[in-house]
Amino acid sequence: MKSDGWQHSNAIEWPKGKFDMNKKLISISYFDELTKKFIEKSKSLILIAVTSSLLASTAAFVYGMIKTFTVILNFVISYGKDPLGVIALLELMDIFLIATVLFIFAMGMYELFIDTIALPEWLIIRDLHDLKIKMSSVMILVMGIIFLEHLVEWKDPLGTLFFGISVAVVSGALIAFSHFWQKD
């Protein structure tokens, strides 16, 4: 006991008895272990994102393949004189790029959280920053193709101008992000 006039103890007086502060009901290390096990097992939740992205990517590739046959058939029937043929080709590029984005996202998430995969060096994703860089570069291509589709249709010049400015600003921001926030 200290001599300051107060009664010091490791026990707290509760209505129905004492609770010793030195005896913990549940130890901190138990919570640490429980949390660790939960996190280790919950990495399989990433498989939901990976599987969904792969399914969406596969569906987009299949849709792009079907649309390719339709575009080719349309070219054959119209002898290549259909004015909307160029737009159809641009739409095909857009579909395949979106399918590619979904595929890259799925591979990146798998590689970051589950296990490594044999990939070409330019596609290896070491952290979330690498994934964001790869995704943003493909998004710039998608936006460029969408702008070209809009430009070819050319219905509203002022709307096309504003749309082009919007695409340029977003593309510029994505390029700046990838350039200025590169790893050392």
C-alpha atoms as a PDB file:
ATOM      1  CA  MET A   1       0.000   0.000   0.000  1.00  0.00           C
ATOM      2  CA  LYS A   2       1.093   3.520  -0.780  1.00  0.00           C
ATOM      3  CA  SER A   3       1.201   6.057   2.020  1.00  0.00           C
ATOM      4  CA  ASP A   4      -0.743   8.842   0.268  1.00  0.00           C
ATOM      5  CA  GLY A   5      -3.908   8.189   2.218  1.00  0.00           C
ATOM      6  CA  TRP A   6      -5.616   6.271  -0.584  1.00  0.00           C
ATOM      7  CA  GLN A   7      -6.109   2.570  -0.506  1.00  0.00           C
ATOM      8  CA  HIS A   8      -4.385   1.101  -3.612  1.00  0.00           C
ATOM      9  CA  SER A   9      -5.038  -2.373  -4.841  1.00  0.00           C
ATOM     10  CA  ASN A  10      -5.085  -4.358  -8.056  1.00  0.00           C
ATOM     11  CA  ALA A  11      -8.702  -5.144  -7.365  1.00  0.00           C
ATOM     12  CA  ILE A  12     -11.822  -3.146  -8.215  1.00  0.00           C
ATOM     13  CA  GLU A  13     -14.761  -3.314  -5.841  1.00  0.00           C
ATOM     14  CA  TRP A  14     -17.858  -4.507  -7.695  1.00  0.00           C
ATOM     15  CA  PRO A  15     -21.278  -4.985  -6.136  1.00  0.00           C
ATOM     16  CA  LYS A  16     -20.933  -8.773  -6.151  1.00  0.00           C
ATOM     17  CA  GLY A  17     -17.260  -9.096  -5.375  1.00  0.00           C
ATOM     18  CA  LYS A  18     -13.845  -8.170  -6.633  1.00  0.00           C
ATOM     19  CA  PHE A  19     -12.425  -8.354 -10.146  1.00  0.00           C
ATOM     20  CA  ASP A  20      -8.682  -8.828 -10.149  1.00  0.00           C
ATOM     21  CA  MET A  21      -7.059  -6.647 -12.846  1.00  0.00           C
ATOM     22  CA  ASN A  22      -4.183  -9.120 -13.148  1.00  0.00           C
ATOM     23  CA  LYS A  23      -6.523 -11.904 -14.260  1.00  0.00           C
ATOM     24  CA  LYS A  24      -7.950 -11.144 -17.661  1.00  0.00           C
ATOM     25  CA  LEU A  25     -11.190 -12.794 -18.690  1.00  0.00           C
ATOM     26  CA  ILE A  26      -9.974 -13.226 -22.253  1.00  0.00           C
ATOM     27  CA  SER A  27      -6.362 -12.576 -23.072  1.00  0.00           C
ATOM     28  CA  ILE A  28      -5.276 -10.113 -25.748  1.00  0.00           C
ATOM     29  CA  SER A  29      -3.250 -12.846 -27.429  1.00  0.00           C
ATOM     30  CA  TYR A  30      -6.467 -14.840 -27.897  1.00  0.00           C
ATOM     31  CA  PHE A  31      -7.984 -11.914 -29.807  1.00  0.00           C
ATOM     32  CA  ASP A  32      -4.774 -11.573 -31.800  1.00  0.00           C
ATOM     33  CA  GLU A  33      -4.912 -15.230 -32.785  1.00  0.00           C
ATOM     34  CA  LEU A  34      -8.615 -15.048 -33.582  1.00  0.00           C
ATOM     35  CA  THR A  35      -8.113 -11.948 -35.728  1.00  0.00           C
ATOM     36  CA  LYS A  36      -5.128 -13.496 -37.483  1.00  0.00           C
ATOM     37  CA  LYS A  37      -7.081 -16.672 -38.291  1.00  0.00           C
ATOM     38  CA  PHE A  38     -10.039 -14.644 -39.541  1.00  0.00           C
ATOM     39  CA  ILE A  39      -7.829 -12.547 -41.828  1.00  0.00           C
ATOM     40  CA  GLU A  40      -5.978 -15.604 -43.128  1.00  0.00           C
ATOM     41  CA  LYS A  41      -9.239 -17.363 -43.929  1.00  0.00           C
ATOM     42  CA  SER A  42     -10.938 -14.263 -45.308  1.00  0.00           C
ATOM     43  CA  LYS A  43      -8.389 -13.884 -48.077  1.00  0.00           C
ATOM     44  CA  SER A  44     -10.550 -16.420 -49.843  1.00  0.00           C
ATOM     45  CA  LEU A  45     -13.150 -13.637 -50.059  1.00  0.00           C
ATOM     46  CA  ILE A  46     -10.891 -12.205 -52.751  1.00  0.00           C
ATOM     47  CA  LEU A  47     -11.760 -15.305 -54.763  1.00  0.00           C
ATOM     48  CA  ILE A  48     -15.277 -13.865 -55.097  1.00  0.00           C
ATOM     49  CA  ALA A  49     -13.873 -10.788 -56.848  1.00  0.00           C
ATOM     50  CA  VAL A  50     -11.472 -12.893 -58.918  1.00  0.00           C
ATOM     51  CA  THR A  51     -14.132 -15.390 -60.007  1.00  0.00           C
ATOM     52  CA  SER A  52     -16.700 -12.692 -60.758  1.00  0.00           C
ATOM     53  CA  SER A  53     -14.185 -10.705 -62.791  1.00  0.00           C
ATOM     54  CA  LEU A  54     -13.113 -13.796 -64.720  1.00  0.00           C
ATOM     55  CA  LEU A  55     -16.737 -14.685 -65.471  1.00  0.00           C
ATOM     56  CA  ALA A  56     -17.477 -11.128 -66.600  1.00  0.00           C
ATOM     57  CA  SER A  57     -14.296 -11.098 -68.694  1.00  0.00           C
ATOM     58  CA  THR A  58     -15.212 -14.412 -70.314  1.00  0.00           C
ATOM     59  CA  ALA A  59     -18.726 -13.160 -71.036  1.00  0.00           C
ATOM     60  CA  ALA A  60     -17.322  -9.977 -72.585  1.00  0.00           C
ATOM     61  CA  PHE A  61     -14.880 -11.968 -74.754  1.00  0.00           C
ATOM     62  CA  VAL A  62     -17.680 -14.276 -75.924  1.00  0.00           C
ATOM     63  CA  TYR A  63     -19.945 -11.289 -76.611  1.00  0.00           C
ATOM     64  CA  GLY A  64     -17.107  -9.632 -78.532  1.00  0.00           C
ATOM     65  CA  MET A  65     -16.585 -12.780 -80.588  1.00  0.00           C
ATOM     66  CA  ILE A  66     -20.299 -12.984 -81.450  1.00  0.00           C
ATOM     67  CA  LYS A  67     -20.354  -9.280 -82.293  1.00  0.00           C
ATOM     68  CA  THR A  68     -17.272  -9.778 -84.501  1.00  0.00           C
ATOM     69  CA  PHE A  69     -19.142 -12.353 -86.573  1.00  0.00           C
ATOM     70  CA  THR A  70     -22.079  -9.942 -86.824  1.00  0.00           C
ATOM     71  CA  VAL A  71     -19.823  -7.083 -87.979  1.00  0.00           C
ATOM     72  CA  ILE A  72     -18.095  -9.299 -90.555  1.00  0.00           C
ATOM     73  CA  LEU A  73     -21.455 -10.509 -91.823  1.00  0.00           C
ATOM     74  CA  ASN A  74     -22.672  -6.906 -92.059  1.00  0.00           C
ATOM     75  CA  PHE A  75     -19.535  -5.937 -94.037  1.00  0.00           C
ATOM     76  CA  VAL A  76     -20.068  -8.825 -96.433  1.00  0.00           C
ATOM     77  CA  ILE A  77     -23.752  -8.023 -96.940  1.00  0.00           C
ATOM     78  CA  SER A  78     -23.173  -4.269 -97.413  1.00  0.00           C
ATOM     79  CA  TYR A  79     -19.972  -4.755 -99.458  1.00  0.00           C
ATOM     80  CA  GLY A  80     -18.158  -2.611 -96.891  1.00  0.00           C
ATOM     81  CA  LYS A  81     -20.300   0.448 -97.652  1.00  0.00           C
ATOM     82  CA  ASP A  82     -22.163   0.617 -94.340  1.00  0.00           C
ATOM     83  CA  PRO A  83     -21.336   4.005 -92.783  1.00  0.00           C
ATOM     84  CA  LEU A  84     -21.780   2.542 -89.311  1.00  0.00           C
ATOM     85  CA  GLY A  85     -19.164  -0.148 -89.984  1.00  0.00           C
ATOM     86  CA  VAL A  86     -16.380   1.970 -88.516  1.00  0.00           C
ATOM     87  CA  ILE A  87     -18.396   2.542 -85.357  1.00  0.00           C
ATOM     88  CA  ALA A  88     -19.030  -1.202 -85.108  1.00  0.00           C
ATOM     89  CA  LEU A  89     -15.281  -1.858 -85.330  1.00  0.00           C
ATOM     90  CA  LEU A  90     -14.600   0.724 -82.625  1.00  0.00           C
ATOM     91  CA  GLU A  91     -17.263  -0.878 -80.443  1.00  0.00           C
ATOM     92  CA  LEU A  92     -15.522  -4.230 -80.930  1.00  0.00           C
ATOM     93  CA  MET A  93     -12.246  -2.746 -79.726  1.00  0.00           C
ATOM     94  CA  ASP A  94     -14.073  -1.292 -76.744  1.00  0.00           C
ATOM     95  CA  ILE A  95     -15.659  -4.636 -75.832  1.00  0.00           C
ATOM     96  CA  PHE A  96     -12.343  -6.481 -76.016  1.00  0.00           C
ATOM     97  CA  LEU A  97     -10.548  -3.785 -74.013  1.00  0.00           C
ATOM     98  CA  ILE A  98     -13.159  -3.966 -71.266  1.00  0.00           C
ATOM     99  CA  ALA A  99     -12.835  -7.757 -71.261  1.00  0.00           C
ATOM    100  CA  THR A 100      -9.065  -7.310 -70.973  1.00  0.00           C
ATOM    101  CA  VAL A 101      -9.440  -4.862 -68.069  1.00  0.00           C
ATOM    102  CA  LEU A 102     -11.592  -7.370 -66.208  1.00  0.00           C
ATOM    103  CA  PHE A 103      -9.064 -10.122 -66.915  1.00  0.00           C
ATOM    104  CA  ILE A 104      -6.100  -8.009 -65.754  1.00  0.00           C
ATOM    105  CA  PHE A 105      -8.028  -7.043 -62.621  1.00  0.00           C
ATOM    106  CA  ALA A 106      -8.788 -10.696 -61.840  1.00  0.00           C
ATOM    107  CA  MET A 107      -5.168 -11.741 -62.373  1.00  0.00           C
ATOM    108  CA  GLY A 108      -3.897  -8.825 -60.310  1.00  0.00           C
ATOM    109  CA  MET A 109      -6.185  -9.516 -57.376  1.00  0.00           C
ATOM    110  CA  TYR A 110      -5.296 -13.214 -57.482  1.00  0.00           C
ATOM    111  CA  GLU A 111      -1.591 -12.476 -57.620  1.00  0.00           C
ATOM    112  CA  LEU A 112      -1.739  -9.917 -54.820  1.00  0.00           C
ATOM    113  CA  PHE A 113      -3.864 -11.850 -52.358  1.00  0.00           C
ATOM    114  CA  ILE A 114      -3.842 -15.553 -53.231  1.00  0.00           C
ATOM    115  CA  ASP A 115      -0.744 -16.823 -55.054  1.00  0.00           C
ATOM    116  CA  THR A 116       1.717 -15.905 -57.790  1.00  0.00           C
ATOM    117  CA  ILE A 117       1.019 -16.825 -61.411  1.00  0.00           C
ATOM    118  CA  ALA A 118       3.365 -17.192 -64.374  1.00  0.00           C
ATOM    119  CA  LEU A 119       2.898 -13.918 -66.255  1.00  0.00           C
ATOM    120  CA  PRO A 120       4.993 -11.897 -68.664  1.00  0.00           C
ATOM    121  CA  GLU A 121       7.159  -9.290 -66.909  1.00  0.00           C
ATOM    122  CA  TRP A 122       5.062  -6.349 -68.138  1.00  0.00           C
ATOM    123  CA  LEU A 123       1.953  -7.846 -66.532  1.00  0.00           C
ATOM    124  CA  ILE A 124       3.379  -8.782 -63.135  1.00  0.00           C
ATOM    125  CA  ILE A 125       1.587  -6.948 -60.351  1.00  0.00           C
ATOM    126  CA  ARG A 126       3.565  -6.543 -57.136  1.00  0.00           C
ATOM    127  CA  ASP A 127       1.203  -4.264 -55.218  1.00  0.00           C
ATOM    128  CA  LEU A 128      -2.064  -2.344 -55.520  1.00  0.00           C
ATOM    129  CA  HIS A 129      -0.202   0.588 -57.061  1.00  0.00           C
ATOM    130  CA  ASP A 130       0.936  -1.608 -59.978  1.00  0.00           C
ATOM    131  CA  LEU A 131      -2.640  -2.810 -60.441  1.00  0.00           C
ATOM    132  CA  LYS A 132      -3.963   0.760 -60.465  1.00  0.00           C
ATOM    133  CA  ILE A 133      -1.355   1.809 -63.040  1.00  0.00           C
ATOM    134  CA  LYS A 134      -2.207  -1.070 -65.368  1.00  0.00           C
ATOM    135  CA  MET A 135      -5.942  -0.486 -64.959  1.00  0.00           C
ATOM    136  CA  SER A 136      -5.661   3.254 -65.561  1.00  0.00           C
ATOM    137  CA  SER A 137      -3.648   2.790 -68.757  1.00  0.00           C
ATOM    138  CA  VAL A 138      -6.318   0.496 -70.202  1.00  0.00           C
ATOM    139  CA  MET A 139      -9.068   2.861 -69.023  1.00  0.00           C
ATOM    140  CA  ILE A 140      -7.421   5.665 -70.998  1.00  0.00           C
ATOM    141  CA  LEU A 141      -7.575   3.470 -74.111  1.00  0.00           C
ATOM    142  CA  VAL A 142     -11.244   2.662 -73.469  1.00  0.00           C
ATOM    143  CA  MET A 143     -12.079   6.351 -73.032  1.00  0.00           C
ATOM    144  CA  GLY A 144     -10.189   7.176 -76.219  1.00  0.00           C
ATOM    145  CA  ILE A 145     -12.161   4.600 -78.172  1.00  0.00           C
ATOM    146  CA  ILE A 146     -15.456   5.822 -76.716  1.00  0.00           C
ATOM    147  CA  PHE A 147     -14.501   9.360 -77.748  1.00  0.00           C
ATOM    148  CA  LEU A 148     -13.684   8.168 -81.273  1.00  0.00           C
ATOM    149  CA  GLU A 149     -17.094   6.479 -81.462  1.00  0.00           C
ATOM    150  CA  HIS A 150     -18.680   9.749 -80.354  1.00  0.00           C
ATOM    151  CA  LEU A 151     -16.581  11.700 -82.861  1.00  0.00           C
ATOM    152  CA  VAL A 152     -17.493   9.436 -85.780  1.00  0.00           C
ATOM    153  CA  GLU A 153     -21.210   9.803 -85.030  1.00  0.00           C
ATOM    154  CA  TRP A 154     -20.785  13.616 -84.738  1.00  0.00           C
ATOM    155  CA  LYS A 155     -24.345  14.628 -83.911  1.00  0.00           C
ATOM    156  CA  ASP A 156     -23.698  17.484 -81.496  1.00  0.00           C
ATOM    157  CA  PRO A 157     -20.447  19.437 -82.076  1.00  0.00           C
ATOM    158  CA  LEU A 158     -20.579  21.272 -78.735  1.00  0.00           C
ATOM    159  CA  GLY A 159     -21.413  18.050 -76.874  1.00  0.00           C
ATOM    160  CA  THR A 160     -18.534  16.316 -78.661  1.00  0.00           C
ATOM    161  CA  LEU A 161     -16.200  19.143 -77.629  1.00  0.00           C
ATOM    162  CA  PHE A 162     -17.231  18.914 -73.978  1.00  0.00           C
ATOM    163  CA  PHE A 163     -17.027  15.137 -74.093  1.00  0.00           C
ATOM    164  CA  GLY A 164     -13.514  15.350 -75.571  1.00  0.00           C
ATOM    165  CA  ILE A 165     -12.459  17.815 -72.884  1.00  0.00           C
ATOM    166  CA  SER A 166     -13.837  15.491 -70.209  1.00  0.00           C
ATOM    167  CA  VAL A 167     -11.952  12.522 -71.645  1.00  0.00           C
ATOM    168  CA  ALA A 168      -8.769  14.617 -71.860  1.00  0.00           C
ATOM    169  CA  VAL A 169      -9.048  15.813 -68.251  1.00  0.00           C
ATOM    170  CA  VAL A 170      -9.679  12.327 -66.854  1.00  0.00           C
ATOM    171  CA  SER A 171      -6.930  10.838 -69.043  1.00  0.00           C
ATOM    172  CA  GLY A 172      -4.549  13.581 -67.934  1.00  0.00           C
ATOM    173  CA  ALA A 173      -5.348  12.886 -64.292  1.00  0.00           C
ATOM    174  CA  LEU A 174      -4.743   9.156 -64.767  1.00  0.00           C
ATOM    175  CA  ILE A 175      -1.461   9.809 -66.588  1.00  0.00           C
ATOM    176  CA  ALA A 176      -0.356  12.229 -63.853  1.00  0.00           C
ATOM    177  CA  PHE A 177      -1.275   9.664 -61.217  1.00  0.00           C
ATOM    178  CA  SER A 178       0.793   6.972 -62.902  1.00  0.00           C
ATOM    179  CA  HIS A 179       3.726   9.310 -63.536  1.00  0.00           C
ATOM    180  CA  PHE A 180       4.016  11.217 -60.268  1.00  0.00           C
ATOM    181  CA  TRP A 181       3.144   8.433 -57.863  1.00  0.00           C
ATOM    182  CA  GLN A 182       5.546   5.837 -59.194  1.00  0.00           C
ATOM    183  CA  LYS A 183       7.443   3.767 -56.681  1.00  0.00           C
ATOM    184  CA  ASP A 184      11.029   4.647 -55.936  1.00  0.00           C
END
